[in-house]
């Protein structure tokens, strides 16, 4: 349908690479079932993709093999459409900050409440819930489609530790945190630690010491010593009765951590 192709061309000419079913329905001037049929045919030809029900993205030729836009090029627009706060987090944020050892297989996004993951062509998006995400420091980065919000280096470091089970475990987290060292501001890290569970600061401080970055770790010591009540386990849900104690970080070292440095 020529009108459908013109609709996509007009959107792209205005710098838009996303649209809703309602917008397509209005532009095509056909019935809603007919508009949906047109969209299905466009999707079948690889011209568009549907990362969320009723929300579509235009897939330019360079991404046809991916069968979707890369996640960072549509997540900001999707979250605006859903009217939900967000930021790119964990390993995906670390990659933006130049600290991921390997490209993450899943694009990780922090949101206020749990959402089902997205599978759009070969693109996978995982949502991680944090009720107080509004108060966490973030920064912005440019993408070919605009800008995307990501966690600050300090937020990223603490959340990598806090959500280690979603980041390949502490071995991988320690490696990524070590790579973040150059972009972490020690004073900001101390401030952000106060917005997180105390045990995250304990574990992050230990990993920073372990990877040779005690100068940054020192920013967390006073806070940990003043507020950590008991020796927390380095790794959750693992035996700690016979684990050695680390008095600096008030931790029970119930696992060995072997970062890839």
Protein backbone atom coordinates (compact mmCIF):
# COMPACT_ATOMS: atom_id res chain seq x y z
CA UNK A 1 0.00 0.00 0.00
CA UNK A 2 1.53 3.27 -1.16
CA UNK A 3 -0.08 5.20 1.68
CA UNK A 4 1.59 2.92 4.26
CA UNK A 5 5.03 3.39 2.69
CA UNK A 6 4.48 7.14 2.58
CA UNK A 7 3.50 7.08 6.26
CA UNK A 8 6.86 5.52 7.18
CA UNK A 9 8.74 7.90 4.88
CA UNK A 10 7.05 10.93 6.42
CA UNK A 11 7.84 9.75 9.95
CA UNK A 12 11.51 9.15 9.12
CA UNK A 13 11.73 12.55 7.43
CA UNK A 14 10.64 14.11 10.74
CA UNK A 15 13.28 12.14 12.64
CA UNK A 16 10.78 9.71 14.13
CA UNK A 17 11.35 5.98 14.03
CA UNK A 18 8.43 4.90 16.19
CA UNK A 19 4.66 5.16 16.07
CA UNK A 20 1.55 3.70 17.68
CA UNK A 21 -1.19 1.60 16.15
CA UNK A 22 -3.53 4.55 16.69
CA UNK A 23 -1.29 6.88 14.72
CA UNK A 24 -1.08 4.39 11.85
CA UNK A 25 -4.86 3.93 11.91
CA UNK A 26 -5.40 7.69 11.61
CA UNK A 27 -2.79 8.14 8.88
CA UNK A 28 -3.92 5.23 6.69
CA UNK A 29 -7.59 6.30 6.79
CA UNK A 30 -8.87 2.73 6.84
CA UNK A 31 -10.72 0.68 9.44
CA UNK A 32 -8.77 -0.45 12.51
CA UNK A 33 -8.75 -4.12 11.42
CA UNK A 34 -7.50 -3.07 7.98
CA UNK A 35 -4.78 -0.90 9.54
CA UNK A 36 -3.65 -3.81 11.69
CA UNK A 37 -3.52 -6.04 8.60
CA UNK A 38 -1.31 -3.47 6.86
CA UNK A 39 1.00 -3.37 9.86
CA UNK A 40 1.27 -7.16 9.88
CA UNK A 41 2.32 -7.15 6.24
CA UNK A 42 4.89 -4.44 6.90
CA UNK A 43 6.25 -6.45 9.79
CA UNK A 44 6.41 -9.55 7.59
CA UNK A 45 8.54 -7.62 5.10
CA UNK A 46 10.87 -6.53 7.91
CA UNK A 47 10.00 -2.86 7.56
CA UNK A 48 8.73 -2.48 11.12
CA UNK A 49 8.92 -4.36 14.43
CA UNK A 50 6.72 -4.48 17.51
CA UNK A 51 8.68 -4.29 20.78
CA UNK A 52 5.43 -3.70 22.68
CA UNK A 53 1.76 -4.15 21.92
CA UNK A 54 0.51 -1.14 20.03
CA UNK A 55 4.02 0.38 19.76
CA UNK A 56 6.00 -0.05 16.55
CA UNK A 57 9.47 0.93 15.33
CA UNK A 58 10.72 1.49 11.81
CA UNK A 59 13.58 -0.88 10.97
CA UNK A 60 16.05 0.74 8.55
CA UNK A 61 18.00 -1.50 6.14
CA UNK A 62 21.11 -1.60 8.34
CA UNK A 63 19.12 -3.32 11.10
CA UNK A 64 17.01 -5.71 9.01
CA UNK A 65 19.13 -8.69 10.07
CA UNK A 66 18.49 -7.72 13.70
CA UNK A 67 14.74 -7.52 12.91
CA UNK A 68 14.37 -4.58 15.28
CA UNK A 69 16.08 -1.37 16.28
CA UNK A 70 18.79 -1.78 18.94
CA UNK A 71 17.20 -1.40 22.36
CA UNK A 72 18.88 1.91 23.22
CA UNK A 73 17.27 3.43 20.11
CA UNK A 74 13.68 2.70 21.15
CA UNK A 75 13.59 2.25 24.94
CA UNK A 76 13.45 6.03 25.68
CA UNK A 77 10.49 6.46 23.33
CA UNK A 78 8.75 3.32 24.60
CA UNK A 79 9.07 4.36 28.24
CA UNK A 80 7.74 7.81 27.37
CA UNK A 81 4.82 6.12 25.61
CA UNK A 82 4.19 4.01 28.74
CA UNK A 83 4.70 7.08 30.97
CA UNK A 84 7.15 5.21 33.15
CA UNK A 85 10.45 6.46 34.57
CA UNK A 86 13.47 4.38 33.62
CA UNK A 87 17.20 4.30 33.22
CA UNK A 88 19.54 1.89 31.48
CA UNK A 89 21.27 -0.05 34.23
CA UNK A 90 23.72 -2.74 35.30
CA UNK A 91 25.82 -4.32 32.52
CA UNK A 92 24.14 -2.23 29.82
CA UNK A 93 24.98 0.98 31.67
CA UNK A 94 28.52 -0.30 32.23
CA UNK A 95 28.88 -0.84 28.49
CA UNK A 96 27.86 2.78 27.82
CA UNK A 97 30.51 3.80 30.36
CA UNK A 98 33.17 1.71 28.60
CA UNK A 99 33.39 -0.93 31.30
CA UNK A 100 31.81 -4.11 29.95
CA UNK A 101 34.24 -6.97 29.26
CA UNK A 102 31.78 -8.57 26.87
CA UNK A 103 28.73 -7.15 25.13
CA UNK A 104 25.73 -8.01 27.34
CA UNK A 105 23.33 -10.52 25.81
CA UNK A 106 20.36 -8.67 27.32
CA UNK A 107 19.69 -4.94 27.50
CA UNK A 108 18.96 -4.12 31.15
CA UNK A 109 16.57 -1.36 32.14
CA UNK A 110 15.68 -0.22 35.66
CA UNK A 111 11.98 0.52 36.23
CA UNK A 112 9.76 1.12 39.23
CA UNK A 113 7.93 -2.20 39.13
CA UNK A 114 8.34 -5.55 37.43
CA UNK A 115 7.59 -5.75 33.72
CA UNK A 116 7.68 -8.65 31.33
CA UNK A 117 10.85 -8.85 29.24
CA UNK A 118 10.83 -7.80 25.60
CA UNK A 119 11.85 -9.99 22.71
CA UNK A 120 11.93 -8.04 19.46
CA UNK A 121 13.69 -9.90 16.67
CA UNK A 122 17.14 -10.63 18.06
CA UNK A 123 16.88 -7.83 20.66
CA UNK A 124 16.18 -8.79 24.26
CA UNK A 125 15.30 -6.34 27.02
CA UNK A 126 15.21 -7.26 30.70
CA UNK A 127 13.45 -4.99 33.19
CA UNK A 128 14.74 -4.81 36.76
CA UNK A 129 12.51 -3.36 39.49
CA UNK A 130 13.63 -0.68 41.93
CA UNK A 131 10.88 1.26 43.68
CA UNK A 132 13.04 4.29 44.50
CA UNK A 133 14.70 4.68 41.11
CA UNK A 134 13.54 8.32 40.88
CA UNK A 135 16.15 9.43 43.39
CA UNK A 136 19.10 7.61 41.85
CA UNK A 137 21.64 9.77 39.96
CA UNK A 138 21.63 9.32 36.18
CA UNK A 139 23.36 10.80 33.15
CA UNK A 140 22.45 10.91 29.45
CA UNK A 141 24.20 9.55 26.39
CA UNK A 142 23.57 10.20 22.72
CA UNK A 143 22.22 7.55 20.36
CA UNK A 144 21.48 7.70 16.62
CA UNK A 145 17.81 8.34 17.53
CA UNK A 146 18.26 10.88 20.32
CA UNK A 147 19.39 10.43 23.91
CA UNK A 148 19.06 7.69 26.50
CA UNK A 149 19.16 7.93 30.29
CA UNK A 150 21.66 5.67 32.05
CA UNK A 151 22.72 5.22 35.65
CA UNK A 152 25.68 7.34 36.76
CA UNK A 153 29.01 5.53 37.20
CA UNK A 154 28.53 5.52 40.97
CA UNK A 155 24.96 4.23 40.76
CA UNK A 156 26.08 1.60 38.27
CA UNK A 157 28.87 0.31 40.52
CA UNK A 158 26.60 -0.07 43.55
CA UNK A 159 23.76 -1.65 41.59
CA UNK A 160 26.07 -4.14 39.89
CA UNK A 161 26.91 -5.41 43.37
CA UNK A 162 23.31 -5.24 44.55
CA UNK A 163 22.00 -7.18 41.56
CA UNK A 164 25.04 -9.42 41.10
CA UNK A 165 22.86 -12.43 40.31
CA UNK A 166 21.63 -10.61 37.19
CA UNK A 167 25.17 -9.66 36.17
CA UNK A 168 26.97 -12.98 35.95
CA UNK A 169 27.95 -13.24 39.62
CA UNK A 170 30.59 -11.48 41.70
CA UNK A 171 33.54 -12.61 39.56
CA UNK A 172 32.11 -10.75 36.58
CA UNK A 173 30.90 -7.84 38.72
CA UNK A 174 34.39 -7.39 40.19
CA UNK A 175 35.86 -7.28 36.67
CA UNK A 176 33.36 -4.67 35.49
CA UNK A 177 33.69 -2.57 38.65
CA UNK A 178 37.46 -2.50 38.18
CA UNK A 179 36.92 -1.15 34.67
CA UNK A 180 34.60 1.55 36.04
CA UNK A 181 37.35 2.83 38.34
CA UNK A 182 38.45 5.64 36.01
CA UNK A 183 34.97 7.19 35.82
CA UNK A 184 33.90 6.83 39.47
CA UNK A 185 34.02 9.95 41.63
CA UNK A 186 34.81 8.89 45.21
CA UNK A 187 32.81 11.70 46.84
CA UNK A 188 29.77 10.99 44.67
CA UNK A 189 30.10 7.29 45.43
CA UNK A 190 29.88 7.99 49.15
CA UNK A 191 26.73 10.05 48.57
CA UNK A 192 25.04 7.46 46.37
CA UNK A 193 25.87 4.69 48.85
CA UNK A 194 23.50 6.36 51.31
CA UNK A 195 20.65 5.80 48.85
CA UNK A 196 21.29 2.04 48.73
CA UNK A 197 21.21 -0.87 51.18
CA UNK A 198 24.29 -0.72 53.39
CA UNK A 199 25.37 -4.20 52.36
CA UNK A 200 25.90 -2.97 48.79
CA UNK A 201 28.53 -0.53 50.06
CA UNK A 202 30.14 -3.31 52.12
CA UNK A 203 30.44 -5.63 49.15
CA UNK A 204 31.50 -2.91 46.71
CA UNK A 205 34.20 -1.69 49.09
CA UNK A 206 35.55 -5.22 49.40
CA UNK A 207 35.63 -5.67 45.62
CA UNK A 208 37.37 -2.33 45.12
CA UNK A 209 40.03 -3.35 47.64
CA UNK A 210 40.35 -6.73 45.96
CA UNK A 211 40.94 -5.17 42.54
CA UNK A 212 43.54 -2.68 43.80
CA UNK A 213 41.37 0.43 44.11
CA UNK A 214 41.50 1.06 47.84
CA UNK A 215 41.70 4.82 47.23
CA UNK A 216 38.10 4.79 45.94
CA UNK A 217 37.04 2.17 48.47
CA UNK A 218 38.20 4.46 51.28
CA UNK A 219 35.27 6.76 50.50
CA UNK A 220 32.90 4.06 51.76
CA UNK A 221 34.72 2.95 54.91
CA UNK A 222 33.43 5.56 57.33
CA UNK A 223 29.83 4.99 56.23
CA UNK A 224 30.15 1.21 56.52
CA UNK A 225 31.84 1.34 59.91
CA UNK A 226 29.15 3.66 61.26
CA UNK A 227 26.07 1.93 59.89
CA UNK A 228 26.75 -1.76 59.21
CA UNK A 229 25.51 -3.69 62.27
CA UNK A 230 26.52 -7.28 61.62
CA UNK A 231 28.93 -9.17 59.39
CA UNK A 232 26.94 -9.64 56.20
CA UNK A 233 27.73 -12.50 53.81
CA UNK A 234 29.75 -11.60 50.75
CA UNK A 235 27.48 -13.89 48.73
CA UNK A 236 23.84 -14.24 49.65
CA UNK A 237 22.25 -17.62 50.33
CA UNK A 238 25.59 -19.30 50.93
CA UNK A 239 26.95 -20.83 54.15
CA UNK A 240 28.91 -18.33 56.24
CA UNK A 241 29.33 -19.99 59.65
CA UNK A 242 33.00 -20.84 58.99
CA UNK A 243 33.77 -17.90 56.73
CA UNK A 244 36.60 -15.57 57.70
CA UNK A 245 35.62 -12.07 58.77
CA UNK A 246 36.73 -8.89 57.06
CA UNK A 247 36.58 -6.23 59.78
CA UNK A 248 37.14 -3.30 57.41
CA UNK A 249 33.93 -4.10 55.51
CA UNK A 250 32.10 -6.10 58.20
CA UNK A 251 31.71 -9.03 55.84
CA UNK A 252 31.79 -12.79 56.15
CA UNK A 253 33.93 -13.85 53.19
CA UNK A 254 32.01 -16.98 52.26
CA UNK A 255 33.24 -17.20 48.66
CA UNK A 256 36.39 -16.54 46.68
CA UNK A 257 36.13 -13.86 44.01
CA UNK A 258 38.33 -14.13 40.94
CA UNK A 259 38.00 -11.08 38.69
CA UNK A 260 39.29 -11.17 35.14
CA UNK A 261 41.79 -8.31 35.28
